[in-house]
Amino acid sequence: MSTIDSMPVVNQTEAAPIASAGAAVIRVEDAHKYYDLGETRVHALRGVSIVIGQGEFVAIMGASGSGKSTFMNMLGCLDRLSSGRYLLEGIDVSRHDKRALALIRNQKIGFVFQGFNLLARTTALENTALPTLYTKIDKAERGKRAAEALAMVGLADRAQHFPSQMSGGQQQRVAVARALVNRPSILLADEPTGNLDSRTSVEIMEIFQSLNDKGLTIVLVTHEHDISQFAKRVLVFRDGKIRRDDPVVHRPKATEVLKTLPTLED
């Protein structure tokens, strides 16, 4: 029997106190999600309740089919709950229609995925600015915000480079900058280091820790235990429920870890 198999299911009401980091940014109450596949009904989320406070950095882990991806889609307003409530900064998004959800996604949520999803014939600056096209921000402000976001991830000198002229790590940095350009309330990252080597993965975690130190709330899905330890809190999903909800006790600083890793040239 695996370690996760032997874990007791936590009382999810007790496991979801308001975090001391700040007021609740995310509050999920008794969330259920069903998928009907022909005559089969899949119960993907089974009464999940959780609170994530402002300024938290939470990693989500779990095997395939555990419910973590469904939970992440719900947090990102990409899918609706079958029952229960999801409040984002006090707004009950479970009551909104598709158009309203699209607006919330654009204004309040930044997304980073395993695949960089950059436009090949578009510069780093233009890729970064893309989410601003769906706002009322004028052209000058869009360019300014994109340049600032690239500077935040250390790519100010790569603004006019195309994806083909950048490494995988640099492309993921552009993807992070794109997620930041609309100044979201939360950053949702789904396996952001899945396509990266060990050193570049830690470099991305260095950026995330720096952003979190400045107050950005981050929720990260990962299969990698080492990556999860850069967060402040780890949730483990299994069978649609939260099995564990633990603080990271000995949290490594990515900046210090990088000093121990060989450079790519080595």
C-alpha atoms as a PDB file:
ATOM      1  CA  MET A   1       0.000   0.000   0.000  1.00  0.00           C
ATOM      2  CA  SER A   2       1.350   3.439  -0.929  1.00  0.00           C
ATOM      3  CA  THR A   3       1.788   6.265   1.549  1.00  0.00           C
ATOM      4  CA  ILE A   4      -1.108   8.179   0.028  1.00  0.00           C
ATOM      5  CA  ASP A   5      -3.324   5.080   0.180  1.00  0.00           C
ATOM      6  CA  SER A   6      -2.734   4.888   3.935  1.00  0.00           C
ATOM      7  CA  MET A   7      -3.537   8.549   4.598  1.00  0.00           C
ATOM      8  CA  PRO A   8      -6.783   9.200   6.441  1.00  0.00           C
ATOM      9  CA  VAL A   9      -9.292  11.523   4.826  1.00  0.00           C
ATOM     10  CA  VAL A  10      -9.163  14.806   6.721  1.00  0.00           C
ATOM     11  CA  ASN A  11     -12.259  16.500   8.038  1.00  0.00           C
ATOM     12  CA  GLN A  12     -12.442  19.123   5.329  1.00  0.00           C
ATOM     13  CA  THR A  13     -14.315  21.659   7.419  1.00  0.00           C
ATOM     14  CA  GLU A  14     -11.577  21.482  10.037  1.00  0.00           C
ATOM     15  CA  ALA A  15      -8.886  21.486   7.354  1.00  0.00           C
ATOM     16  CA  ALA A  16      -9.965  24.818   5.937  1.00  0.00           C
ATOM     17  CA  PRO A  17      -9.329  27.579   8.451  1.00  0.00           C
ATOM     18  CA  ILE A  18      -8.891  31.113   7.202  1.00  0.00           C
ATOM     19  CA  ALA A  19      -5.178  31.394   6.562  1.00  0.00           C
ATOM     20  CA  SER A  20      -3.173  33.777   8.703  1.00  0.00           C
ATOM     21  CA  ALA A  21      -1.492  35.108   5.554  1.00  0.00           C
ATOM     22  CA  GLY A  22      -4.433  37.425   4.892  1.00  0.00           C
ATOM     23  CA  ALA A  23      -8.117  37.670   4.105  1.00  0.00           C
ATOM     24  CA  ALA A  24      -9.632  34.823   2.115  1.00  0.00           C
ATOM     25  CA  VAL A  25      -9.011  35.123  -1.625  1.00  0.00           C
ATOM     26  CA  ILE A  26     -10.418  31.657  -2.339  1.00  0.00           C
ATOM     27  CA  ARG A  27     -13.199  30.018  -0.348  1.00  0.00           C
ATOM     28  CA  VAL A  28     -14.652  26.707  -1.509  1.00  0.00           C
ATOM     29  CA  GLU A  29     -17.596  25.220   0.376  1.00  0.00           C
ATOM     30  CA  ASP A  30     -18.775  21.614  -0.028  1.00  0.00           C
ATOM     31  CA  ALA A  31     -17.803  21.465  -3.698  1.00  0.00           C
ATOM     32  CA  HIS A  32     -19.089  18.553  -5.768  1.00  0.00           C
ATOM     33  CA  LYS A  33     -18.491  17.922  -9.450  1.00  0.00           C
ATOM     34  CA  TYR A  34     -20.090  15.182 -11.543  1.00  0.00           C
ATOM     35  CA  TYR A  35     -19.316  14.200 -15.119  1.00  0.00           C
ATOM     36  CA  ASP A  36     -21.771  12.071 -17.072  1.00  0.00           C
ATOM     37  CA  LEU A  37     -19.939   9.777 -19.495  1.00  0.00           C
ATOM     38  CA  GLY A  38     -22.667   7.897 -21.285  1.00  0.00           C
ATOM     39  CA  GLU A  39     -24.423   5.840 -18.632  1.00  0.00           C
ATOM     40  CA  THR A  40     -21.549   6.331 -16.186  1.00  0.00           C
ATOM     41  CA  ARG A  41     -21.467   9.180 -13.676  1.00  0.00           C
ATOM     42  CA  VAL A  42     -18.021  10.181 -12.400  1.00  0.00           C
ATOM     43  CA  HIS A  43     -17.912  11.957  -9.042  1.00  0.00           C
ATOM     44  CA  ALA A  44     -14.747  14.035  -9.560  1.00  0.00           C
ATOM     45  CA  LEU A  45     -15.014  16.279  -6.480  1.00  0.00           C
ATOM     46  CA  ARG A  46     -16.610  14.960  -3.316  1.00  0.00           C
ATOM     47  CA  GLY A  47     -17.483  17.717  -0.884  1.00  0.00           C
ATOM     48  CA  VAL A  48     -14.255  19.716  -0.994  1.00  0.00           C
ATOM     49  CA  SER A  49     -14.020  22.708   1.356  1.00  0.00           C
ATOM     50  CA  ILE A  50     -10.953  24.905   1.564  1.00  0.00           C
ATOM     51  CA  VAL A  51      -9.887  28.478   2.275  1.00  0.00           C
ATOM     52  CA  ILE A  52      -6.790  30.070   0.741  1.00  0.00           C
ATOM     53  CA  GLY A  53      -5.760  33.392   2.178  1.00  0.00           C
ATOM     54  CA  GLN A  54      -4.258  36.401   0.466  1.00  0.00           C
ATOM     55  CA  GLY A  55      -0.526  35.959  -0.014  1.00  0.00           C
ATOM     56  CA  GLU A  56      -0.508  32.181   0.343  1.00  0.00           C
ATOM     57  CA  PHE A  57       1.517  29.874  -1.908  1.00  0.00           C
ATOM     58  CA  VAL A  58      -0.258  26.520  -2.145  1.00  0.00           C
ATOM     59  CA  ALA A  59       0.878  23.399  -4.000  1.00  0.00           C
ATOM     60  CA  ILE A  60      -1.655  20.756  -5.032  1.00  0.00           C
ATOM     61  CA  MET A  61      -0.584  17.159  -5.521  1.00  0.00           C
ATOM     62  CA  GLY A  62      -2.326  13.888  -6.343  1.00  0.00           C
ATOM     63  CA  ALA A  63      -2.352  11.015  -8.796  1.00  0.00           C
ATOM     64  CA  SER A  64      -4.191  11.123 -12.110  1.00  0.00           C
ATOM     65  CA  GLY A  65      -7.922  10.969 -11.434  1.00  0.00           C
ATOM     66  CA  SER A  66      -7.546  12.332  -7.905  1.00  0.00           C
ATOM     67  CA  GLY A  67      -9.606  15.447  -8.619  1.00  0.00           C
ATOM     68  CA  LYS A  68      -6.803  18.002  -8.576  1.00  0.00           C
ATOM     69  CA  SER A  69      -7.230  19.025 -12.221  1.00  0.00           C
ATOM     70  CA  THR A  70     -10.997  19.351 -11.800  1.00  0.00           C
ATOM     71  CA  PHE A  71     -10.383  21.467  -8.712  1.00  0.00           C
ATOM     72  CA  MET A  72      -7.899  23.651 -10.594  1.00  0.00           C
ATOM     73  CA  ASN A  73     -10.340  24.123 -13.493  1.00  0.00           C
ATOM     74  CA  MET A  74     -12.976  25.199 -11.007  1.00  0.00           C
ATOM     75  CA  LEU A  75     -10.608  27.688  -9.345  1.00  0.00           C
ATOM     76  CA  GLY A  76      -9.799  29.090 -12.778  1.00  0.00           C
ATOM     77  CA  CYS A  77     -13.498  29.512 -13.633  1.00  0.00           C
ATOM     78  CA  LEU A  78     -12.992  27.121 -16.549  1.00  0.00           C
ATOM     79  CA  ASP A  79     -15.645  24.730 -15.253  1.00  0.00           C
ATOM     80  CA  ARG A  80     -18.722  24.924 -13.037  1.00  0.00           C
ATOM     81  CA  LEU A  81     -19.491  23.060  -9.842  1.00  0.00           C
ATOM     82  CA  SER A  82     -22.387  20.638  -9.795  1.00  0.00           C
ATOM     83  CA  SER A  83     -23.137  21.819  -6.256  1.00  0.00           C
ATOM     84  CA  GLY A  84     -21.456  23.838  -3.525  1.00  0.00           C
ATOM     85  CA  ARG A  85     -20.002  27.341  -3.604  1.00  0.00           C
ATOM     86  CA  TYR A  86     -16.800  28.974  -4.824  1.00  0.00           C
ATOM     87  CA  LEU A  87     -16.085  32.520  -3.699  1.00  0.00           C
ATOM     88  CA  LEU A  88     -13.228  34.448  -5.318  1.00  0.00           C
ATOM     89  CA  GLU A  89     -12.462  37.589  -3.315  1.00  0.00           C
ATOM     90  CA  GLY A  90     -15.965  37.328  -1.880  1.00  0.00           C
ATOM     91  CA  ILE A  91     -17.668  36.972  -5.278  1.00  0.00           C
ATOM     92  CA  ASP A  92     -19.789  33.821  -5.622  1.00  0.00           C
ATOM     93  CA  VAL A  93     -18.597  32.879  -9.102  1.00  0.00           C
ATOM     94  CA  SER A  94     -20.707  29.716  -9.116  1.00  0.00           C
ATOM     95  CA  ARG A  95     -23.705  31.965  -9.837  1.00  0.00           C
ATOM     96  CA  HIS A  96     -22.218  33.730 -12.869  1.00  0.00           C
ATOM     97  CA  ASP A  97     -22.852  33.011 -16.550  1.00  0.00           C
ATOM     98  CA  LYS A  98     -20.133  32.240 -19.105  1.00  0.00           C
ATOM     99  CA  ARG A  99     -19.617  35.846 -20.141  1.00  0.00           C
ATOM    100  CA  ALA A 100     -19.213  37.023 -16.554  1.00  0.00           C
ATOM    101  CA  LEU A 101     -16.819  34.156 -15.837  1.00  0.00           C
ATOM    102  CA  ALA A 102     -14.700  35.141 -18.832  1.00  0.00           C
ATOM    103  CA  LEU A 103     -14.439  38.663 -17.449  1.00  0.00           C
ATOM    104  CA  ILE A 104     -13.450  37.355 -14.018  1.00  0.00           C
ATOM    105  CA  ARG A 105     -10.793  35.118 -15.570  1.00  0.00           C
ATOM    106  CA  ASN A 106      -9.308  38.030 -17.462  1.00  0.00           C
ATOM    107  CA  GLN A 107      -9.325  40.477 -14.559  1.00  0.00           C
ATOM    108  CA  LYS A 108      -8.572  38.355 -11.517  1.00  0.00           C
ATOM    109  CA  ILE A 109      -6.735  35.192 -12.597  1.00  0.00           C
ATOM    110  CA  GLY A 110      -3.374  34.624 -14.242  1.00  0.00           C
ATOM    111  CA  PHE A 111      -2.739  31.216 -15.837  1.00  0.00           C
ATOM    112  CA  VAL A 112       0.552  29.391 -16.399  1.00  0.00           C
ATOM    113  CA  PHE A 113       0.507  25.975 -18.084  1.00  0.00           C
ATOM    114  CA  GLN A 114       2.963  23.173 -18.741  1.00  0.00           C
ATOM    115  CA  GLY A 115       2.946  24.045 -22.434  1.00  0.00           C
ATOM    116  CA  PHE A 116       4.088  27.597 -22.946  1.00  0.00           C
ATOM    117  CA  ASN A 117       1.320  28.369 -25.490  1.00  0.00           C
ATOM    118  CA  LEU A 118       3.198  31.249 -27.072  1.00  0.00           C
ATOM    119  CA  LEU A 119       2.413  32.532 -30.560  1.00  0.00           C
ATOM    120  CA  ALA A 120       5.382  31.544 -32.733  1.00  0.00           C
ATOM    121  CA  ARG A 121       5.461  34.647 -34.941  1.00  0.00           C
ATOM    122  CA  THR A 122       4.944  37.074 -32.085  1.00  0.00           C
ATOM    123  CA  THR A 123       7.644  38.686 -29.938  1.00  0.00           C
ATOM    124  CA  ALA A 124       7.965  38.152 -26.201  1.00  0.00           C
ATOM    125  CA  LEU A 125       6.559  41.631 -25.601  1.00  0.00           C
ATOM    126  CA  GLU A 126       3.565  41.015 -27.877  1.00  0.00           C
ATOM    127  CA  ASN A 127       2.916  37.580 -26.367  1.00  0.00           C
ATOM    128  CA  THR A 128       2.991  39.100 -22.913  1.00  0.00           C
ATOM    129  CA  ALA A 129       0.550  41.848 -23.879  1.00  0.00           C
ATOM    130  CA  LEU A 130      -2.062  39.493 -25.378  1.00  0.00           C
ATOM    131  CA  PRO A 131      -4.407  39.326 -22.324  1.00  0.00           C
ATOM    132  CA  THR A 132      -4.625  43.134 -22.284  1.00  0.00           C
ATOM    133  CA  LEU A 133      -6.320  43.090 -25.686  1.00  0.00           C
ATOM    134  CA  TYR A 134      -9.499  41.949 -23.917  1.00  0.00           C
ATOM    135  CA  THR A 135      -9.467  44.928 -21.544  1.00  0.00           C
ATOM    136  CA  LYS A 136     -10.130  48.650 -21.899  1.00  0.00           C
ATOM    137  CA  ILE A 137      -6.440  49.467 -21.399  1.00  0.00           C
ATOM    138  CA  ASP A 138      -5.076  51.731 -24.135  1.00  0.00           C
ATOM    139  CA  LYS A 139      -2.193  50.719 -26.390  1.00  0.00           C
ATOM    140  CA  ALA A 140       0.483  52.705 -24.557  1.00  0.00           C
ATOM    141  CA  GLU A 141      -0.502  51.253 -21.185  1.00  0.00           C
ATOM    142  CA  ARG A 142      -0.598  47.735 -22.668  1.00  0.00           C
ATOM    143  CA  GLY A 143       2.986  48.090 -23.859  1.00  0.00           C
ATOM    144  CA  LYS A 144       4.091  49.533 -20.525  1.00  0.00           C
ATOM    145  CA  ARG A 145       2.494  46.721 -18.528  1.00  0.00           C
ATOM    146  CA  ALA A 146       3.966  44.053 -20.812  1.00  0.00           C
ATOM    147  CA  ALA A 147       7.455  45.543 -20.486  1.00  0.00           C
ATOM    148  CA  GLU A 148       7.091  45.703 -16.689  1.00  0.00           C
ATOM    149  CA  ALA A 149       5.922  42.082 -16.547  1.00  0.00           C
ATOM    150  CA  LEU A 150       8.892  40.911 -18.632  1.00  0.00           C
ATOM    151  CA  ALA A 151      11.235  42.839 -16.347  1.00  0.00           C
ATOM    152  CA  MET A 152       9.691  41.084 -13.336  1.00  0.00           C
ATOM    153  CA  VAL A 153      10.706  37.704 -14.758  1.00  0.00           C
ATOM    154  CA  GLY A 154      14.159  38.863 -15.838  1.00  0.00           C
ATOM    155  CA  LEU A 155      13.504  39.119 -19.569  1.00  0.00           C
ATOM    156  CA  ALA A 156      13.588  42.858 -20.206  1.00  0.00           C
ATOM    157  CA  ASP A 157      16.417  42.308 -22.701  1.00  0.00           C
ATOM    158  CA  ARG A 158      14.450  39.644 -24.607  1.00  0.00           C
ATOM    159  CA  ALA A 159      11.354  41.714 -25.326  1.00  0.00           C
ATOM    160  CA  GLN A 160      11.832  41.651 -29.119  1.00  0.00           C
ATOM    161  CA  HIS A 161      12.856  37.993 -29.323  1.00  0.00           C
ATOM    162  CA  PHE A 162      10.573  35.362 -30.859  1.00  0.00           C
ATOM    163  CA  PRO A 163       9.870  32.044 -29.094  1.00  0.00           C
ATOM    164  CA  SER A 164      12.190  30.197 -31.509  1.00  0.00           C
ATOM    165  CA  GLN A 165      15.021  32.430 -30.287  1.00  0.00           C
ATOM    166  CA  MET A 166      14.493  31.543 -26.619  1.00  0.00           C
ATOM    167  CA  SER A 167      15.168  28.512 -24.444  1.00  0.00           C
ATOM    168  CA  GLY A 168      12.359  26.532 -22.820  1.00  0.00           C
ATOM    169  CA  GLY A 169      12.978  28.288 -19.534  1.00  0.00           C
ATOM    170  CA  GLN A 170      12.840  31.699 -21.170  1.00  0.00           C
ATOM    171  CA  GLN A 171       9.605  30.791 -22.937  1.00  0.00           C
ATOM    172  CA  GLN A 172       8.068  29.757 -19.628  1.00  0.00           C
ATOM    173  CA  ARG A 173       9.185  33.077 -18.145  1.00  0.00           C
ATOM    174  CA  VAL A 174       7.304  34.833 -20.950  1.00  0.00           C
ATOM    175  CA  ALA A 175       4.267  32.710 -20.096  1.00  0.00           C
ATOM    176  CA  VAL A 176       4.562  33.824 -16.453  1.00  0.00           C
ATOM    177  CA  ALA A 177       4.877  37.463 -17.562  1.00  0.00           C
ATOM    178  CA  ARG A 178       1.758  37.047 -19.710  1.00  0.00           C
ATOM    179  CA  ALA A 179      -0.085  35.716 -16.650  1.00  0.00           C
ATOM    180  CA  LEU A 180       0.954  38.786 -14.649  1.00  0.00           C
ATOM    181  CA  VAL A 181       0.235  41.502 -17.196  1.00  0.00           C
ATOM    182  CA  ASN A 182      -3.354  42.156 -16.051  1.00  0.00           C
ATOM    183  CA  ARG A 183      -2.212  42.288 -12.410  1.00  0.00           C
ATOM    184  CA  PRO A 184      -4.333  39.342 -11.232  1.00  0.00           C
ATOM    185  CA  SER A 185      -5.436  38.533  -7.691  1.00  0.00           C
ATOM    186  CA  ILE A 186      -4.219  34.948  -8.005  1.00  0.00           C
ATOM    187  CA  LEU A 187      -1.789  33.021 -10.182  1.00  0.00           C
ATOM    188  CA  LEU A 188      -2.802  29.473 -11.129  1.00  0.00           C
ATOM    189  CA  ALA A 189       0.052  27.316 -12.408  1.00  0.00           C
ATOM    190  CA  ASP A 190      -0.637  23.833 -13.811  1.00  0.00           C
ATOM    191  CA  GLU A 191       2.573  21.767 -13.973  1.00  0.00           C
ATOM    192  CA  PRO A 192       4.654  24.832 -14.956  1.00  0.00           C
ATOM    193  CA  THR A 193       7.937  22.923 -14.625  1.00  0.00           C
ATOM    194  CA  GLY A 194       6.790  19.740 -16.377  1.00  0.00           C
ATOM    195  CA  ASN A 195       8.755  20.451 -19.572  1.00  0.00           C
ATOM    196  CA  LEU A 196      11.834  21.941 -17.910  1.00  0.00           C
ATOM    197  CA  ASP A 197      15.167  20.605 -16.645  1.00  0.00           C
ATOM    198  CA  SER A 198      15.982  20.629 -12.925  1.00  0.00           C
ATOM    199  CA  ARG A 199      17.838  23.933 -12.797  1.00  0.00           C
ATOM    200  CA  THR A 200      15.340  25.792 -14.961  1.00  0.00           C
ATOM    201  CA  SER A 201      12.511  24.410 -12.799  1.00  0.00           C
ATOM    202  CA  VAL A 202      14.104  25.920  -9.710  1.00  0.00           C
ATOM    203  CA  GLU A 203      14.587  29.203 -11.577  1.00  0.00           C
ATOM    204  CA  ILE A 204      10.831  29.301 -12.220  1.00  0.00           C
ATOM    205  CA  MET A 205      10.237  28.568  -8.527  1.00  0.00           C
ATOM    206  CA  GLU A 206      12.576  31.448  -7.685  1.00  0.00           C
ATOM    207  CA  ILE A 207      10.296  33.747  -9.698  1.00  0.00           C
ATOM    208  CA  PHE A 208       7.194  32.339  -8.009  1.00  0.00           C
ATOM    209  CA  GLN A 209       8.690  32.783  -4.532  1.00  0.00           C
ATOM    210  CA  SER A 210       9.681  36.354  -5.370  1.00  0.00           C
ATOM    211  CA  LEU A 211       6.171  37.143  -6.628  1.00  0.00           C
ATOM    212  CA  ASN A 212       4.656  35.530  -3.559  1.00  0.00           C
ATOM    213  CA  ASP A 213       6.971  37.529  -1.276  1.00  0.00           C
ATOM    214  CA  LYS A 214       5.457  40.640  -2.894  1.00  0.00           C
ATOM    215  CA  GLY A 215       1.972  39.474  -1.931  1.00  0.00           C
ATOM    216  CA  LEU A 216       0.709  37.521  -4.951  1.00  0.00           C
ATOM    217  CA  THR A 217      -1.432  34.494  -4.097  1.00  0.00           C
ATOM    218  CA  ILE A 218      -0.235  31.401  -5.996  1.00  0.00           C
ATOM    219  CA  VAL A 219      -1.820  27.979  -6.464  1.00  0.00           C
ATOM    220  CA  LEU A 220       0.419  25.419  -8.146  1.00  0.00           C
ATOM    221  CA  VAL A 221      -0.363  21.899  -9.393  1.00  0.00           C
ATOM    222  CA  THR A 222       2.641  19.583  -9.573  1.00  0.00           C
ATOM    223  CA  HIS A 223       3.528  15.890  -9.601  1.00  0.00           C
ATOM    224  CA  GLU A 224       6.985  16.656  -8.250  1.00  0.00           C
ATOM    225  CA  HIS A 225       7.460  16.522  -4.480  1.00  0.00           C
ATOM    226  CA  ASP A 226      10.623  18.641  -4.642  1.00  0.00           C
ATOM    227  CA  ILE A 227       8.758  21.399  -6.481  1.00  0.00           C
ATOM    228  CA  SER A 228       5.861  21.319  -4.009  1.00  0.00           C
ATOM    229  CA  GLN A 229       8.269  22.101  -1.175  1.00  0.00           C
ATOM    230  CA  PHE A 230       8.913  25.592  -2.554  1.00  0.00           C
ATOM    231  CA  ALA A 231       5.296  26.427  -1.643  1.00  0.00           C
ATOM    232  CA  LYS A 232       4.131  27.296   1.865  1.00  0.00           C
ATOM    233  CA  ARG A 233       1.318  24.753   2.027  1.00  0.00           C
ATOM    234  CA  VAL A 234       0.625  21.424   0.295  1.00  0.00           C
ATOM    235  CA  LEU A 235      -2.773  19.875  -0.437  1.00  0.00           C
ATOM    236  CA  VAL A 236      -2.909  16.207  -1.430  1.00  0.00           C
ATOM    237  CA  PHE A 237      -5.968  15.040  -3.377  1.00  0.00           C
ATOM    238  CA  ARG A 238      -7.209  11.486  -3.736  1.00  0.00           C
ATOM    239  CA  ASP A 239     -10.609  10.166  -4.887  1.00  0.00           C
ATOM    240  CA  GLY A 240     -12.032  13.666  -5.162  1.00  0.00           C
ATOM    241  CA  LYS A 241     -11.200  14.646  -1.586  1.00  0.00           C
ATOM    242  CA  ILE A 242      -8.385  16.424   0.200  1.00  0.00           C
ATOM    243  CA  ARG A 243      -6.388  13.754   2.001  1.00  0.00           C
ATOM    244  CA  ARG A 244      -3.821  16.093   3.521  1.00  0.00           C
ATOM    245  CA  ASP A 245      -3.426  19.809   4.082  1.00  0.00           C
ATOM    246  CA  ASP A 246      -0.010  20.543   5.567  1.00  0.00           C
ATOM    247  CA  PRO A 247       2.289  23.537   5.934  1.00  0.00           C
ATOM    248  CA  VAL A 248       5.771  23.174   4.466  1.00  0.00           C
ATOM    249  CA  VAL A 249       7.970  23.100   7.546  1.00  0.00           C
ATOM    250  CA  HIS A 250      11.472  23.314   6.092  1.00  0.00           C
ATOM    251  CA  ARG A 251      10.785  25.397   3.019  1.00  0.00           C
ATOM    252  CA  PRO A 252      13.811  25.811   0.731  1.00  0.00           C
ATOM    253  CA  LYS A 253      14.628  29.179  -0.809  1.00  0.00           C
ATOM    254  CA  ALA A 254      14.981  28.713  -4.543  1.00  0.00           C
ATOM    255  CA  THR A 255      17.702  31.385  -4.654  1.00  0.00           C
ATOM    256  CA  GLU A 256      19.839  29.327  -2.263  1.00  0.00           C
ATOM    257  CA  VAL A 257      19.083  26.022  -4.024  1.00  0.00           C
ATOM    258  CA  LEU A 258      20.257  27.488  -7.335  1.00  0.00           C
ATOM    259  CA  LYS A 259      23.676  28.132  -5.810  1.00  0.00           C
ATOM    260  CA  THR A 260      24.106  24.383  -5.337  1.00  0.00           C
ATOM    261  CA  LEU A 261      23.068  23.403  -8.884  1.00  0.00           C
ATOM    262  CA  PRO A 262      25.402  23.269 -11.889  1.00  0.00           C
ATOM    263  CA  THR A 263      24.760  25.750 -14.658  1.00  0.00           C
ATOM    264  CA  LEU A 264      23.747  24.465 -18.097  1.00  0.00           C
ATOM    265  CA  GLU A 265      27.278  25.118 -19.330  1.00  0.00           C
ATOM    266  CA  ASP A 266      28.623  22.755 -16.686  1.00  0.00           C
END
